Amino acid sequence: ATVDIDVLDKPNLTLAFRDTSICVPDNVQLNAATTGTGTFSWSPLSNITNPTTATPTVSPTSTTRYYVNLDENGCFARDSVEVRVVGFVTLNAMADTTICQTDGVQLTAATDGLQFLWSPSQTLSDPTILNPVATPTQTITTYQIEARIGSCRATDNVTITTVPYPIANAGAPQTICYNTSTQLNGS
């Protein structure tokens, strides 16, 4: 007699994003996916809506690690994502600086924010990234950054001052005889 044995592969479980942050009282939709079909179950069951779907919504009041289990015909896979809960956004823009006119400068800020908006945006390479390049056209330009985690927001400013390029003058052309010297006067 022969016995047929089906060997099943471990389910392919992926999360749409890694650990993330939210601000109280926000929520976030988690997102798990598989290439097959199966049953999802999330834990812990506190502050979670639709825990048996691939896309539950969670609204924790403190930092929580959520675990997802996937059952595909008796084969199991498990993964997790941490939802960090904050009450405010930290933000510290770079120090004010001076550059030469028409030059660019990379703006920077230290923050735990997830989304960013710099203004005024007209002279920025991309006002929605943390470190855009600014090419100010005015003598003094103050850029404001807003960093967000959900409904929590923080703002800070950095002022960029532009100065003209220095003018170098090596003096009038001079003609000298071979093996003699002359005084150069630059300004």
Protein backbone atom coordinates (compact mmCIF):
# COMPACT_ATOMS: atom_id res chain seq x y z
CA ALA A 1 0.00 0.00 0.00
CA THR A 2 1.13 3.50 -0.69
CA VAL A 3 0.27 6.67 1.14
CA ASP A 4 0.26 10.05 -0.56
CA ILE A 5 1.63 12.83 1.62
CA ASP A 6 1.12 16.42 0.60
CA VAL A 7 3.89 18.73 1.81
CA LEU A 8 2.67 22.28 2.24
CA ASP A 9 4.92 25.30 2.12
CA LYS A 10 5.04 27.74 5.01
CA PRO A 11 2.63 30.61 4.29
CA ASN A 12 4.10 33.80 2.87
CA LEU A 13 3.16 36.53 5.37
CA THR A 14 4.22 40.14 4.83
CA LEU A 15 3.39 43.36 6.65
CA ALA A 16 2.87 46.52 4.61
CA PHE A 17 5.11 48.53 6.97
CA ARG A 18 7.45 48.03 9.88
CA ASP A 19 7.07 49.66 13.28
CA THR A 20 5.28 53.00 13.26
CA SER A 21 4.20 55.85 15.52
CA ILE A 22 0.83 57.43 16.26
CA CYS A 23 -0.29 60.23 18.53
CA VAL A 24 -2.99 59.89 21.18
CA PRO A 25 -5.93 59.67 20.32
CA ASP A 26 -5.19 58.64 16.71
CA ASN A 27 -5.57 55.20 15.17
CA VAL A 28 -3.74 53.35 12.43
CA GLN A 29 -4.74 50.57 10.07
CA LEU A 30 -2.36 47.61 10.13
CA ASN A 31 -1.93 45.69 6.91
CA ALA A 32 -0.83 42.07 6.46
CA ALA A 33 -0.78 40.20 3.19
CA THR A 34 -0.24 36.70 1.88
CA THR A 35 0.19 35.22 -1.57
CA GLY A 36 -2.26 32.44 -0.67
CA THR A 37 -5.52 32.33 1.22
CA GLY A 38 -5.74 31.92 4.94
CA THR A 39 -7.12 33.11 8.22
CA PHE A 40 -5.62 36.08 10.02
CA SER A 41 -5.76 36.64 13.77
CA TRP A 42 -4.23 39.60 15.58
CA SER A 43 -3.37 40.03 19.25
CA PRO A 44 -3.63 41.57 21.77
CA LEU A 45 -7.35 42.12 21.39
CA SER A 46 -7.43 45.46 23.25
CA ASN A 47 -7.99 48.65 21.25
CA ILE A 48 -8.38 46.75 17.96
CA THR A 49 -11.22 46.61 15.43
CA ASN A 50 -11.59 43.66 13.01
CA PRO A 51 -8.83 41.46 14.52
CA THR A 52 -9.60 38.53 12.20
CA THR A 53 -8.94 40.48 8.99
CA ALA A 54 -5.71 41.37 7.22
CA THR A 55 -6.35 45.06 7.93
CA PRO A 56 -7.45 45.73 11.50
CA THR A 57 -7.57 49.25 12.91
CA VAL A 58 -5.79 49.82 16.22
CA SER A 59 -5.95 52.76 18.63
CA PRO A 60 -3.63 51.94 21.53
CA THR A 61 -3.18 54.44 24.36
CA SER A 62 0.38 53.26 25.03
CA THR A 63 3.08 51.66 22.90
CA THR A 64 1.89 48.18 21.89
CA ARG A 65 3.35 45.35 19.81
CA TYR A 66 0.64 43.69 17.69
CA TYR A 67 1.15 40.11 16.52
CA VAL A 68 -0.48 38.60 13.45
CA ASN A 69 -0.91 34.88 12.94
CA LEU A 70 -1.71 33.42 9.53
CA ASP A 71 -3.19 29.94 9.20
CA GLU A 72 -3.14 28.48 5.69
CA ASN A 73 -4.46 24.91 5.76
CA GLY A 74 -2.75 24.15 9.07
CA CYS A 75 0.53 25.85 8.20
CA PHE A 76 1.28 28.88 10.31
CA ALA A 77 3.27 32.10 9.97
CA ARG A 78 3.66 34.87 12.53
CA ASP A 79 4.93 38.44 12.42
CA SER A 80 4.56 41.60 14.48
CA VAL A 81 4.55 45.36 14.28
CA GLU A 82 5.04 47.85 17.11
CA VAL A 83 2.80 50.89 17.30
CA ARG A 84 4.64 53.54 19.32
CA VAL A 85 2.28 56.01 20.98
CA VAL A 86 3.45 59.57 21.65
CA GLY A 87 1.78 62.60 23.18
CA PHE A 88 3.77 65.19 21.21
CA VAL A 89 6.24 65.59 18.34
CA THR A 90 9.87 66.51 19.02
CA LEU A 91 11.43 68.94 16.53
CA ASN A 92 14.66 70.94 16.42
CA ALA A 93 15.56 72.72 13.17
CA MET A 94 19.17 73.45 12.25
CA ALA A 95 20.88 76.67 13.38
CA ASP A 96 20.49 79.82 11.28
CA THR A 97 23.20 80.11 8.64
CA THR A 98 24.69 82.37 5.95
CA ILE A 99 25.40 81.30 2.37
CA CYS A 100 26.48 83.01 -0.84
CA GLN A 101 23.74 84.26 -3.15
CA THR A 102 22.55 81.66 -5.70
CA ASP A 103 24.07 78.81 -3.65
CA GLY A 104 21.93 76.06 -2.18
CA VAL A 105 21.94 74.73 1.36
CA GLN A 106 20.45 71.52 2.72
CA LEU A 107 17.97 72.23 5.49
CA THR A 108 17.96 69.73 8.33
CA ALA A 109 16.00 69.03 11.48
CA ALA A 110 16.07 66.45 14.25
CA THR A 111 12.60 65.04 14.85
CA ASP A 112 10.57 61.92 15.52
CA GLY A 113 7.92 63.22 13.11
CA LEU A 114 6.67 61.08 10.23
CA GLN A 115 5.40 63.74 7.80
CA PHE A 116 7.01 67.10 7.04
CA LEU A 117 6.08 70.38 5.39
CA TRP A 118 8.54 73.24 4.87
CA SER A 119 7.45 76.74 3.84
CA PRO A 120 7.83 78.89 1.87
CA SER A 121 8.07 76.09 -0.65
CA GLN A 122 8.95 77.99 -3.84
CA THR A 123 12.73 77.83 -3.35
CA LEU A 124 12.89 74.26 -1.98
CA SER A 125 13.78 71.07 -3.84
CA ASP A 126 10.90 69.21 -2.09
CA PRO A 127 8.98 70.82 0.79
CA THR A 128 7.61 67.46 2.00
CA ILE A 129 10.90 65.77 2.93
CA LEU A 130 12.93 66.19 6.10
CA ASN A 131 16.10 67.54 4.42
CA PRO A 132 15.27 69.58 1.29
CA VAL A 133 17.77 71.80 -0.52
CA ALA A 134 16.92 75.51 -0.26
CA THR A 135 18.06 78.05 -2.85
CA PRO A 136 16.75 81.32 -1.38
CA THR A 137 16.36 84.33 -3.64
CA GLN A 138 15.99 86.95 -0.90
CA THR A 139 18.68 88.40 1.38
CA ILE A 140 16.94 86.89 4.42
CA THR A 141 14.57 83.93 4.18
CA THR A 142 13.00 82.22 7.17
CA TYR A 143 11.88 78.66 6.51
CA GLN A 144 9.39 76.97 8.80
CA ILE A 145 9.17 73.22 9.20
CA GLU A 146 6.07 71.47 10.48
CA ALA A 147 6.56 67.87 11.62
CA ARG A 148 3.53 65.61 12.24
CA ILE A 149 2.66 62.31 13.79
CA GLY A 150 -1.03 61.94 13.07
CA SER A 151 -2.83 64.80 14.80
CA CYS A 152 0.24 65.92 16.80
CA ARG A 153 2.23 68.75 15.24
CA ALA A 154 5.33 70.81 16.03
CA THR A 155 6.94 73.73 14.20
CA ASP A 156 10.38 75.35 14.18
CA ASN A 157 12.18 77.94 12.04
CA VAL A 158 15.58 78.40 10.42
CA THR A 159 16.74 81.67 8.85
CA ILE A 160 19.06 81.64 5.85
CA THR A 161 20.91 84.88 5.07
CA THR A 162 22.49 85.31 1.63
CA VAL A 163 25.51 87.51 0.93
CA PRO A 164 27.12 88.41 -2.40
CA TYR A 165 30.12 86.41 -3.54
CA PRO A 166 33.32 88.25 -2.62
CA ILE A 167 35.00 90.09 -5.49
CA ALA A 168 38.67 89.29 -5.98
CA ASN A 169 40.97 91.74 -7.74
CA ALA A 170 44.53 90.59 -8.49
CA GLY A 171 45.57 94.10 -9.54
CA ALA A 172 46.60 95.51 -12.89
CA PRO A 173 48.55 93.33 -15.34
CA GLN A 174 52.32 93.77 -14.97
CA THR A 175 55.21 93.10 -17.27
CA ILE A 176 58.60 92.25 -15.79
CA CYS A 177 61.97 91.19 -17.12
CA TYR A 178 63.17 87.63 -16.76
CA ASN A 179 64.72 86.85 -13.37
CA THR A 180 63.35 90.02 -11.69
CA SER A 181 60.60 90.44 -9.15
CA THR A 182 57.60 92.72 -8.61
CA GLN A 183 55.10 93.44 -5.87
CA LEU A 184 51.60 91.98 -6.38
CA ASN A 185 48.63 93.76 -4.78
CA GLY A 186 45.39 91.86 -4.51
CA SER A 187 42.18 93.02 -2.93
